[in-house]
Amino acid sequence: MKDTIDSIGLIAGGTRVETGARFPVANPGTGGQAGTAPDAGQAELDRAVAAAKAAFPSWSGTSDEERAAACNAVADTLEAHAEELAQLITAEQGKPLGGIGSQWELGGAVAWARYTASLSLPMEVLQDTPEGRVEMYRKPLGVVGSITPWNFPVLIAVWHILPALRSGNTVVSKPSPMTPLASLRMIELMNEILPAGVVNSVSAADGAFNMGAAMSAHEDIAKIVFTGSCGTGQKVMQSSAETMKRLTLEMGGNDAGIVLPDADPQAIAEGLFWGAFINNGQTCAAMKRLYVHDDIHDAVCDALVAYARNIKVGEGTQEDSVLGPVQNQMQFDKLSRLVAQAKERGQVLLGGEPGEGLFYPPTIIAGMRADDPLVYEEQFGPALPIIRYSDLDDALAQANALDVGLGGSVWSSDKAAAKEVAKRMECGSVWINSHGMIQPNAPFGGVKKSGFGVEFGEEGLKEYTDIQVIFA
């Protein structure tokens, strides 16, 4: 498999692009090397964009039915190569193959691709009267630049690429330099079934050349769709301004969960755990702060800790591993700093000490307050602060106090009451008795500094189009 990993390349115009250098990709689970990836620069980016631009007139002119069939063919290809891609994800990202890991991610990618294929944006008649007929059309934008993060390298790339294709755009995709291998291999596979130039790839190491900035400023890219940190998203927005790009920015969050006093601690413990620790907490819409009413605070803590104690942390290829390592050293160091600070002021109920390498056990710390860094900074890792509250208005005020708003959740035995609380939360999505359970048919996006625009469903598909109105 090593030879295969080191042969993964870039694609522009349906052909392989050779670069002068390759950069190493770490395996966070073993501490070794997962493989190498092409280190591209401006010339390779220009070539990929030119190929996408050249392919756009033909691709955008295909019928709705042809594009739907192509998206279904992509789903078939992902399904046929699911194990190969899952192995690559585990090697470079660290998550386990089984459970809610790499194979699950591939299953989600296939499901999202198939659902996206089923969507359509037909012409709408706004008026048809003796005074005249008014028709509204959704037209593709052109070349879409996709910039993806390291936490779900294939799934998020599918979230970006498939709606772009379905709506008639062409794509240049840039994966994170932390996890480029599975995404680049996926685009190689897509090019076996799609017309040349419809999907192209670039990758670059973190170095002197900033590929993301170059894409954001490129005059021939019509739209950037970005998933990643707030700070990087702001830079994408700034560098896109001169060319007036369309943008969809799904940026960081610091999601709050609020447990109401009528909740059943035993019934919600499993959901609370996975809401916070899915993908080892390395999920934008994971629950990162938990507010628990005083009446059931201790019972919720006990039930959550009892469930978390049985979670095995280990290298991703081990069959009994449920959670893997933190993906990279920078994130590990940030997590370690936040937990060390929290231990000085709170009560460690579970975990709290780094493991070997990049492994960090699920950590639960009670007694936290609003001014604790583990509460107001996004940890993006396996540590959950618990804040005790007695007044719901105060809990909501704390939940809404931050300048981000991606997701939130309310936990209660009374769904109607929980829904009323949910409406008061300042975030793009709120779940009742679960957290982060996104669906391909439901729009997903953030408010405040968590970004703007939405993904998924018909509303997400519209983000890849401009409106044209014809008055006849």
Protein backbone atom coordinates (compact mmCIF):
# COMPACT_ATOMS: atom_id res chain seq x y z
CA MET A 1 0.00 0.00 0.00
CA LYS A 2 2.95 2.33 0.62
CA ASP A 3 3.78 2.45 -3.11
CA THR A 4 0.16 3.29 -3.87
CA ILE A 5 0.05 6.08 -1.30
CA ASP A 6 3.25 7.64 -2.60
CA SER A 7 1.94 7.58 -6.18
CA ILE A 8 -1.21 9.62 -5.53
CA GLY A 9 -1.04 12.71 -7.69
CA LEU A 10 -2.78 15.85 -8.86
CA ILE A 11 -5.27 15.95 -11.71
CA ALA A 12 -5.88 18.86 -14.09
CA GLY A 13 -7.89 18.50 -17.27
CA GLY A 14 -8.20 14.76 -16.72
CA THR A 15 -4.46 14.14 -16.74
CA ARG A 16 -1.89 13.67 -14.02
CA VAL A 17 0.19 16.71 -13.09
CA GLU A 18 3.73 16.16 -11.88
CA THR A 19 5.20 18.51 -9.30
CA GLY A 20 8.81 19.17 -8.54
CA ALA A 21 8.49 17.98 -4.96
CA ARG A 22 6.33 15.98 -2.59
CA PHE A 23 5.78 16.57 1.12
CA PRO A 24 5.40 14.01 3.91
CA VAL A 25 2.01 13.25 5.42
CA ALA A 26 2.15 12.07 9.03
CA ASN A 27 0.28 9.12 10.52
CA PRO A 28 -0.95 10.48 13.88
CA GLY A 29 -1.74 7.02 15.19
CA THR A 30 1.71 5.50 14.72
CA GLY A 31 3.92 8.56 14.76
CA GLY A 32 5.29 7.46 11.40
CA GLN A 33 4.55 8.54 7.88
CA ALA A 34 1.29 7.82 6.07
CA GLY A 35 2.70 8.74 2.67
CA THR A 36 3.66 11.73 0.55
CA ALA A 37 1.63 14.25 -1.42
CA PRO A 38 2.40 16.60 -4.32
CA ASP A 39 3.67 20.04 -3.31
CA ALA A 40 2.15 22.36 -5.89
CA GLY A 41 2.55 26.06 -6.53
CA GLN A 42 1.04 28.88 -8.57
CA ALA A 43 1.74 27.19 -11.91
CA GLU A 44 -0.12 24.04 -10.92
CA LEU A 45 -3.01 26.08 -9.55
CA ASP A 46 -3.25 28.10 -12.75
CA ARG A 47 -3.26 24.89 -14.77
CA ALA A 48 -6.04 23.37 -12.67
CA VAL A 49 -8.16 26.53 -12.83
CA ALA A 50 -7.62 26.82 -16.59
CA ALA A 51 -8.74 23.22 -17.04
CA ALA A 52 -11.87 23.81 -14.96
CA LYS A 53 -12.62 27.01 -16.85
CA ALA A 54 -12.23 25.27 -20.20
CA ALA A 55 -14.54 22.44 -19.12
CA PHE A 56 -17.26 24.74 -17.78
CA PRO A 57 -19.11 25.62 -21.02
CA SER A 58 -19.62 21.97 -21.94
CA TRP A 59 -20.41 20.76 -18.41
CA SER A 60 -22.83 23.57 -17.65
CA GLY A 61 -24.57 22.81 -20.93
CA THR A 62 -25.33 19.21 -20.03
CA SER A 63 -28.89 18.31 -19.13
CA ASP A 64 -30.18 18.10 -15.60
CA GLU A 65 -30.61 14.35 -16.06
CA GLU A 66 -27.01 13.91 -17.24
CA ARG A 67 -25.60 15.74 -14.24
CA ALA A 68 -27.79 13.71 -11.87
CA ALA A 69 -26.54 10.50 -13.49
CA ALA A 70 -22.93 11.69 -13.15
CA CYS A 71 -23.40 12.38 -9.44
CA ASN A 72 -24.88 8.91 -8.97
CA ALA A 73 -21.88 7.48 -10.84
CA VAL A 74 -19.59 9.29 -8.41
CA ALA A 75 -21.53 7.71 -5.54
CA ASP A 76 -21.10 4.28 -7.15
CA THR A 77 -17.35 4.86 -7.45
CA LEU A 78 -17.04 5.96 -3.83
CA GLU A 79 -18.94 2.87 -2.75
CA ALA A 80 -16.78 0.57 -4.87
CA HIS A 81 -13.56 2.06 -3.43
CA ALA A 82 -14.84 2.65 0.09
CA GLU A 83 -12.37 0.34 1.82
CA GLU A 84 -9.36 1.78 -0.03
CA LEU A 85 -10.38 5.34 0.83
CA ALA A 86 -11.21 4.43 4.43
CA GLN A 87 -7.74 2.95 4.88
CA LEU A 88 -6.21 6.18 3.60
CA ILE A 89 -8.33 8.28 5.96
CA THR A 90 -7.29 6.19 8.97
CA ALA A 91 -3.62 6.39 7.94
CA GLU A 92 -3.56 10.18 7.66
CA GLN A 93 -6.36 11.35 9.97
CA GLY A 94 -6.04 8.72 12.70
CA LYS A 95 -9.70 7.84 13.27
CA PRO A 96 -10.61 4.16 13.65
CA LEU A 97 -11.63 2.19 10.58
CA GLY A 98 -14.80 0.85 12.21
CA GLY A 99 -17.48 2.34 14.44
CA ILE A 100 -18.03 6.05 13.85
CA GLY A 101 -14.75 6.23 11.95
CA SER A 102 -13.41 6.03 8.42
CA GLN A 103 -15.83 3.44 7.07
CA TRP A 104 -18.69 5.45 8.57
CA GLU A 105 -17.31 8.57 6.89
CA LEU A 106 -17.32 6.82 3.52
CA GLY A 107 -20.86 5.62 4.09
CA GLY A 108 -21.86 9.22 4.76
CA ALA A 109 -20.07 10.42 1.63
CA VAL A 110 -21.94 7.90 -0.52
CA ALA A 111 -25.28 8.82 1.06
CA TRP A 112 -24.67 12.55 0.59
CA ALA A 113 -23.62 12.04 -3.03
CA ARG A 114 -26.78 10.07 -3.79
CA TYR A 115 -29.04 12.60 -2.08
CA THR A 116 -27.36 15.47 -3.91
CA ALA A 117 -27.94 13.64 -7.19
CA SER A 118 -31.67 13.62 -6.41
CA LEU A 119 -31.89 17.41 -6.07
CA SER A 120 -32.87 19.79 -8.82
CA LEU A 121 -33.42 23.52 -9.32
CA PRO A 122 -35.99 23.83 -12.11
CA MET A 123 -37.10 27.10 -13.62
CA GLU A 124 -39.75 28.87 -11.55
CA VAL A 125 -42.61 30.86 -13.03
CA LEU A 126 -43.01 33.97 -10.87
CA GLN A 127 -45.81 35.45 -12.95
CA ASP A 128 -47.93 34.35 -15.89
CA THR A 129 -50.65 36.91 -16.53
CA PRO A 130 -51.95 38.94 -19.45
CA GLU A 131 -49.45 41.60 -18.40
CA GLY A 132 -46.55 39.24 -18.98
CA ARG A 133 -44.62 36.14 -17.92
CA VAL A 134 -41.72 36.22 -15.47
CA GLU A 135 -39.39 33.20 -15.22
CA MET A 136 -36.55 32.69 -12.74
CA TYR A 137 -33.59 30.48 -13.63
CA ARG A 138 -30.72 29.21 -11.50
CA LYS A 139 -27.48 29.38 -13.47
CA PRO A 140 -24.11 27.86 -12.47
CA LEU A 141 -21.35 30.24 -11.45
CA GLY A 142 -18.29 28.83 -13.20
CA VAL A 143 -15.21 27.48 -11.43
CA VAL A 144 -15.71 26.63 -7.76
CA GLY A 145 -12.72 26.46 -5.44
CA SER A 146 -13.10 23.99 -2.58
CA ILE A 147 -10.90 24.28 0.53
CA THR A 148 -11.39 21.45 3.02
CA PRO A 149 -10.12 20.72 6.57
CA TRP A 150 -8.44 17.68 8.10
CA ASN A 151 -11.18 16.27 10.32
CA PHE A 152 -13.44 14.65 7.67
CA PRO A 153 -11.29 14.80 4.53
CA VAL A 154 -13.51 12.81 2.17
CA LEU A 155 -16.95 13.59 3.55
CA ILE A 156 -16.47 17.36 3.55
CA ALA A 157 -14.92 17.25 0.07
CA VAL A 158 -18.08 15.49 -1.11
CA TRP A 159 -20.19 18.17 0.60
CA HIS A 160 -18.33 20.75 -1.49
CA ILE A 161 -17.85 19.01 -4.82
CA LEU A 162 -21.13 17.19 -5.44
CA PRO A 163 -23.49 20.20 -5.23
CA ALA A 164 -21.06 22.15 -7.42
CA LEU A 165 -21.24 19.41 -10.06
CA ARG A 166 -24.98 18.92 -9.69
CA SER A 167 -25.63 22.60 -10.39
CA GLY A 168 -23.34 22.70 -13.43
CA ASN A 169 -20.10 24.13 -12.05
CA THR A 170 -16.58 22.80 -12.40
CA VAL A 171 -14.24 22.40 -9.44
CA VAL A 172 -10.69 22.87 -8.18
CA SER A 173 -10.29 21.08 -4.86
CA LYS A 174 -7.60 21.73 -2.26
CA PRO A 175 -7.41 19.35 0.72
CA SER A 176 -5.72 20.13 4.01
CA PRO A 177 -1.97 19.44 3.92
CA MET A 178 -2.55 17.37 7.07
CA THR A 179 -4.87 14.94 5.23
CA PRO A 180 -4.50 15.23 1.45
CA LEU A 181 -4.20 11.57 0.44
CA ALA A 182 -7.75 10.25 0.54
CA SER A 183 -9.16 13.41 -1.09
CA LEU A 184 -6.62 13.38 -3.91
CA ARG A 185 -7.22 9.68 -4.51
CA MET A 186 -10.98 10.32 -4.60
CA ILE A 187 -10.49 12.93 -7.32
CA GLU A 188 -8.34 10.50 -9.29
CA LEU A 189 -11.26 8.08 -9.14
CA MET A 190 -13.79 10.75 -10.11
CA ASN A 191 -11.74 11.52 -13.20
CA GLU A 192 -12.18 7.96 -14.40
CA ILE A 193 -15.90 8.65 -14.91
CA LEU A 194 -16.31 12.43 -15.31
CA PRO A 195 -15.36 14.53 -18.37
CA ALA A 196 -11.86 15.97 -18.32
CA GLY A 197 -11.53 19.20 -16.38
CA VAL A 198 -14.77 18.94 -14.44
CA VAL A 199 -12.97 18.12 -11.15
CA ASN A 200 -9.33 19.07 -10.63
CA SER A 201 -7.01 18.97 -7.62
CA VAL A 202 -4.18 20.90 -6.05
CA SER A 203 -2.27 20.33 -2.83
CA ALA A 204 0.56 22.11 -1.09
CA ALA A 205 2.54 21.86 2.12
CA ASP A 206 2.32 24.56 4.74
CA GLY A 207 5.18 26.72 3.54
CA ALA A 208 6.12 29.84 1.66
CA PHE A 209 3.34 29.40 -0.90
CA ASN A 210 -0.18 29.73 0.50
CA MET A 211 -2.42 27.74 -1.85
CA GLY A 212 -5.64 28.73 -0.08
CA ALA A 213 -4.83 32.44 -0.36
CA ALA A 214 -3.92 32.04 -4.02
CA MET A 215 -7.23 30.31 -4.71
CA SER A 216 -9.19 32.96 -2.84
CA ALA A 217 -7.60 35.71 -4.92
CA HIS A 218 -7.65 33.90 -8.29
CA GLU A 219 -9.58 35.92 -10.86
CA ASP A 220 -10.92 32.85 -12.67
CA ILE A 221 -12.46 31.20 -9.58
CA ALA A 222 -16.07 32.36 -9.21
CA LYS A 223 -16.81 30.92 -5.76
CA ILE A 224 -14.95 29.60 -2.75
CA VAL A 225 -16.56 27.05 -0.45
CA PHE A 226 -14.53 26.75 2.72
CA THR A 227 -14.76 24.65 5.87
CA GLY A 228 -12.29 25.41 8.64
CA SER A 229 -11.33 27.80 11.41
CA CYS A 230 -12.79 31.26 11.94
CA GLY A 231 -9.44 32.96 11.49
CA THR A 232 -8.70 31.26 8.17
CA GLY A 233 -12.24 31.86 6.97
CA GLN A 234 -11.86 35.58 7.63
CA LYS A 235 -8.67 35.59 5.54
CA VAL A 236 -10.50 33.78 2.72
CA MET A 237 -13.19 36.46 2.81
CA GLN A 238 -10.63 39.26 2.74
CA SER A 239 -8.64 37.86 -0.18
CA SER A 240 -11.83 37.11 -2.14
CA ALA A 241 -13.12 40.67 -1.93
CA GLU A 242 -11.35 42.16 -4.94
CA THR A 243 -12.76 39.55 -7.33
CA MET A 244 -16.23 39.64 -5.70
CA LYS A 245 -16.36 35.88 -5.27
CA ARG A 246 -19.43 34.11 -4.02
CA LEU A 247 -18.62 32.51 -0.66
CA THR A 248 -19.92 29.73 1.53
CA LEU A 249 -17.99 29.75 4.80
CA GLU A 250 -18.58 27.06 7.42
CA MET A 251 -16.26 28.08 10.20
CA GLY A 252 -15.60 27.13 13.77
CA GLY A 253 -18.15 26.87 16.54
CA ASN A 254 -18.22 26.38 20.26
CA ASP A 255 -21.53 24.56 20.56
CA ALA A 256 -23.45 24.62 23.82
CA GLY A 257 -25.71 21.89 25.16
CA ILE A 258 -28.29 22.74 27.80
CA VAL A 259 -29.69 19.99 30.04
CA LEU A 260 -33.06 20.90 31.53
CA PRO A 261 -34.00 19.69 35.04
CA ASP A 262 -36.57 17.17 33.76
CA ALA A 263 -34.04 15.22 31.67
CA ASP A 264 -33.29 11.58 32.46
CA PRO A 265 -29.52 11.33 33.12
CA GLN A 266 -29.29 7.65 32.24
CA ALA A 267 -31.30 8.07 29.05
CA ILE A 268 -29.22 10.95 27.71
CA ALA A 269 -25.70 9.85 28.75
CA GLU A 270 -24.85 8.06 25.49
CA GLY A 271 -26.17 10.91 23.38
CA LEU A 272 -24.26 13.47 25.41
CA PHE A 273 -21.05 11.53 24.99
CA TRP A 274 -21.27 11.19 21.22
CA GLY A 275 -22.51 14.75 20.86
CA ALA A 276 -19.25 15.89 22.44
CA PHE A 277 -16.75 13.21 21.47
CA ILE A 278 -17.70 12.13 17.94
CA ASN A 279 -14.52 12.05 15.84
CA ASN A 280 -12.63 12.55 19.11
CA GLY A 281 -14.23 15.99 19.52
CA GLN A 282 -12.64 17.11 16.25
CA THR A 283 -15.92 18.19 14.70
CA CYS A 284 -17.12 21.74 14.03
CA ALA A 285 -20.61 20.97 15.30
CA ALA A 286 -19.58 18.86 18.28
CA MET A 287 -20.89 19.86 21.70
CA LYS A 288 -18.06 21.77 23.33
CA ARG A 289 -19.79 23.22 26.43
CA LEU A 290 -22.42 21.49 28.57
CA TYR A 291 -24.73 23.42 30.90
CA VAL A 292 -26.50 21.17 33.42
CA HIS A 293 -29.22 22.21 35.84
CA ASP A 294 -28.29 22.05 39.50
CA ASP A 295 -31.09 19.55 40.31
CA ILE A 296 -29.57 16.78 38.17
CA HIS A 297 -25.99 18.00 37.76
CA ASP A 298 -24.32 15.24 39.75
CA ALA A 299 -26.50 12.49 38.28
CA VAL A 300 -25.73 13.64 34.72
CA CYS A 301 -22.01 13.79 35.48
CA ASP A 302 -22.07 10.30 36.97
CA ALA A 303 -23.98 8.79 34.04
CA LEU A 304 -21.78 10.49 31.45
CA VAL A 305 -18.56 9.41 33.14
CA ALA A 306 -19.83 5.85 33.53
CA TYR A 307 -20.47 5.66 29.79
CA ALA A 308 -17.19 7.34 28.81
CA ARG A 309 -15.09 4.99 30.96
CA ASN A 310 -15.80 2.14 28.54
CA ILE A 311 -14.55 3.94 25.44
CA LYS A 312 -11.31 2.47 24.09
CA VAL A 313 -8.79 4.92 22.66
CA GLY A 314 -6.24 3.42 20.31
CA GLU A 315 -4.57 3.30 16.92
CA GLY A 316 -7.12 3.32 14.12
CA THR A 317 -6.37 -0.10 12.62
CA GLN A 318 -6.97 -1.89 15.93
CA GLU A 319 -10.41 -3.49 15.81
CA ASP A 320 -11.37 -2.51 19.35
CA SER A 321 -10.43 1.18 19.00
CA VAL A 322 -13.44 3.48 19.36
CA LEU A 323 -11.58 6.81 19.32
CA GLY A 324 -8.23 7.57 17.74
CA PRO A 325 -5.55 10.19 18.37
CA VAL A 326 -5.71 13.94 18.09
CA GLN A 327 -4.83 14.55 14.45
CA ASN A 328 -1.85 16.86 14.76
CA GLN A 329 0.64 18.25 17.25
CA MET A 330 -0.63 21.82 17.11
CA GLN A 331 -4.14 20.74 18.06
CA PHE A 332 -2.80 18.38 20.73
CA ASP A 333 -0.79 21.20 22.31
CA LYS A 334 -3.79 23.52 22.35
CA LEU A 335 -5.96 20.84 23.95
CA SER A 336 -3.31 20.07 26.55
CA ARG A 337 -3.01 23.75 27.44
CA LEU A 338 -6.75 24.21 27.87
CA VAL A 339 -7.12 21.09 30.00
CA ALA A 340 -4.14 22.05 32.19
CA GLN A 341 -5.73 25.44 32.84
CA ALA A 342 -9.13 23.86 33.56
CA LYS A 343 -7.65 21.43 36.08
CA GLU A 344 -6.53 24.35 38.23
CA ARG A 345 -10.11 25.60 38.68
CA GLY A 346 -12.40 22.64 38.08
CA GLN A 347 -12.91 19.03 39.08
CA VAL A 348 -11.54 16.38 36.73
CA LEU A 349 -14.15 13.63 36.54
CA LEU A 350 -12.37 11.60 33.86
CA GLY A 351 -9.09 11.77 31.93
CA GLY A 352 -7.11 14.97 32.14
CA GLU A 353 -3.64 13.61 31.40
CA PRO A 354 -2.09 13.27 27.93
CA GLY A 355 -1.35 9.79 26.67
CA GLU A 356 1.56 8.66 24.52
CA GLY A 357 2.14 10.33 21.18
CA LEU A 358 -0.96 12.21 20.07
CA PHE A 359 -3.40 10.13 22.10
CA TYR A 360 -5.54 11.94 24.65
CA PRO A 361 -8.23 10.19 26.71
CA PRO A 362 -11.81 11.47 26.86
CA THR A 363 -11.69 14.19 29.48
CA ILE A 364 -14.66 15.53 31.45
CA ILE A 365 -14.19 18.47 33.83
CA ALA A 366 -16.95 19.87 36.07
CA GLY A 367 -17.04 23.11 38.04
CA MET A 368 -16.24 25.24 35.02
CA ARG A 369 -17.21 28.91 34.67
CA ALA A 370 -17.75 31.30 31.78
CA ASP A 371 -14.29 32.86 32.14
CA ASP A 372 -12.42 29.54 31.89
CA PRO A 373 -10.51 29.16 28.60
CA LEU A 374 -11.82 25.61 28.13
CA VAL A 375 -15.31 27.14 28.04
CA TYR A 376 -14.82 30.17 25.82
CA GLU A 377 -12.14 28.76 23.46
CA GLU A 378 -13.01 26.04 20.95
CA GLN A 379 -10.93 23.06 22.12
CA PHE A 380 -11.63 20.87 19.04
CA GLY A 381 -10.61 17.76 20.89
CA PRO A 382 -11.73 15.17 23.48
CA ALA A 383 -12.39 17.43 26.47
CA LEU A 384 -15.78 18.58 27.72
CA PRO A 385 -16.32 21.33 30.32
CA ILE A 386 -19.49 21.09 32.42
CA ILE A 387 -21.06 24.26 33.84
CA ARG A 388 -23.65 24.03 36.61
CA TYR A 389 -26.63 26.41 36.39
CA SER A 390 -29.79 27.08 38.39
CA ASP A 391 -31.46 29.76 36.27
CA LEU A 392 -32.35 28.91 32.64
CA ASP A 393 -32.15 32.52 31.50
CA ASP A 394 -28.61 32.70 32.82
CA ALA A 395 -27.66 29.44 31.07
CA LEU A 396 -29.05 30.76 27.78
CA ALA A 397 -27.22 34.04 28.23
CA GLN A 398 -23.95 32.15 28.74
CA ALA A 399 -24.64 29.85 25.80
CA ASN A 400 -25.30 32.85 23.55
CA ALA A 401 -22.50 35.05 24.87
CA LEU A 402 -19.80 33.93 22.43
CA ASP A 403 -19.27 35.45 18.99
CA VAL A 404 -19.79 32.11 17.22
CA GLY A 405 -23.01 30.20 16.62
CA LEU A 406 -22.85 26.95 14.66
CA GLY A 407 -24.92 24.40 16.60
CA GLY A 408 -26.56 23.81 19.95
CA SER A 409 -28.73 21.29 21.75
CA VAL A 410 -31.39 21.02 24.45
CA TRP A 411 -31.88 17.88 26.53
CA SER A 412 -35.26 17.28 28.16
CA SER A 413 -38.09 14.79 28.64
CA ASP A 414 -40.47 17.46 27.32
CA LYS A 415 -39.80 18.06 23.63
CA ALA A 416 -42.22 20.97 23.40
CA ALA A 417 -40.50 22.78 26.27
CA ALA A 418 -37.10 21.96 24.79
CA LYS A 419 -38.14 23.41 21.44
CA GLU A 420 -39.04 26.72 23.08
CA VAL A 421 -35.57 26.84 24.65
CA ALA A 422 -34.01 25.89 21.32
CA LYS A 423 -35.62 28.88 19.62
CA ARG A 424 -33.77 31.16 22.03
CA MET A 425 -30.34 29.78 21.15
CA GLU A 426 -28.25 31.89 18.76
CA CYS A 427 -26.96 29.25 16.37
CA GLY A 428 -27.71 27.82 12.95
CA SER A 429 -28.88 24.38 14.07
CA VAL A 430 -30.36 23.11 17.34
CA TRP A 431 -31.00 19.46 18.19
CA ILE A 432 -33.34 18.08 20.83
CA ASN A 433 -31.85 15.16 22.82
CA SER A 434 -28.97 14.73 20.38
CA HIS A 435 -26.20 16.93 19.05
CA GLY A 436 -24.54 17.35 15.66
CA MET A 437 -26.77 14.91 13.80
CA ILE A 438 -26.70 16.69 10.45
CA GLN A 439 -28.74 15.40 7.51
CA PRO A 440 -28.33 15.85 3.73
CA ASN A 441 -31.89 17.20 3.39
CA ALA A 442 -31.56 19.90 6.08
CA PRO A 443 -29.66 23.17 5.52
CA PHE A 444 -26.61 23.53 7.74
CA GLY A 445 -24.64 26.68 8.47
CA GLY A 446 -23.62 29.09 11.18
CA VAL A 447 -24.47 32.55 12.43
CA LYS A 448 -22.24 35.29 13.82
CA LYS A 449 -18.56 34.44 13.24
CA SER A 450 -19.32 30.80 12.45
CA GLY A 451 -19.72 31.88 8.85
CA PHE A 452 -22.49 32.46 6.36
CA GLY A 453 -24.26 30.58 3.63
CA VAL A 454 -25.58 27.07 4.08
CA GLU A 455 -24.79 23.59 2.83
CA PHE A 456 -27.06 20.61 2.10
CA GLY A 457 -30.48 20.25 0.61
CA GLU A 458 -32.04 22.53 -1.96
CA GLU A 459 -30.97 25.63 -0.04
CA GLY A 460 -27.35 24.46 -0.14
CA LEU A 461 -27.57 23.72 -3.87
CA LYS A 462 -28.78 27.25 -4.54
CA GLU A 463 -25.52 28.58 -3.07
CA TYR A 464 -23.75 27.36 -6.22
CA THR A 465 -25.93 29.40 -8.57
CA ASP A 466 -26.79 32.92 -9.64
CA ILE A 467 -30.37 33.98 -10.32
CA GLN A 468 -31.42 35.14 -13.77
CA VAL A 469 -34.93 36.52 -14.28
CA ILE A 470 -36.46 36.66 -17.77
CA PHE A 471 -39.39 38.96 -18.43
CA ALA A 472 -41.37 37.87 -21.50
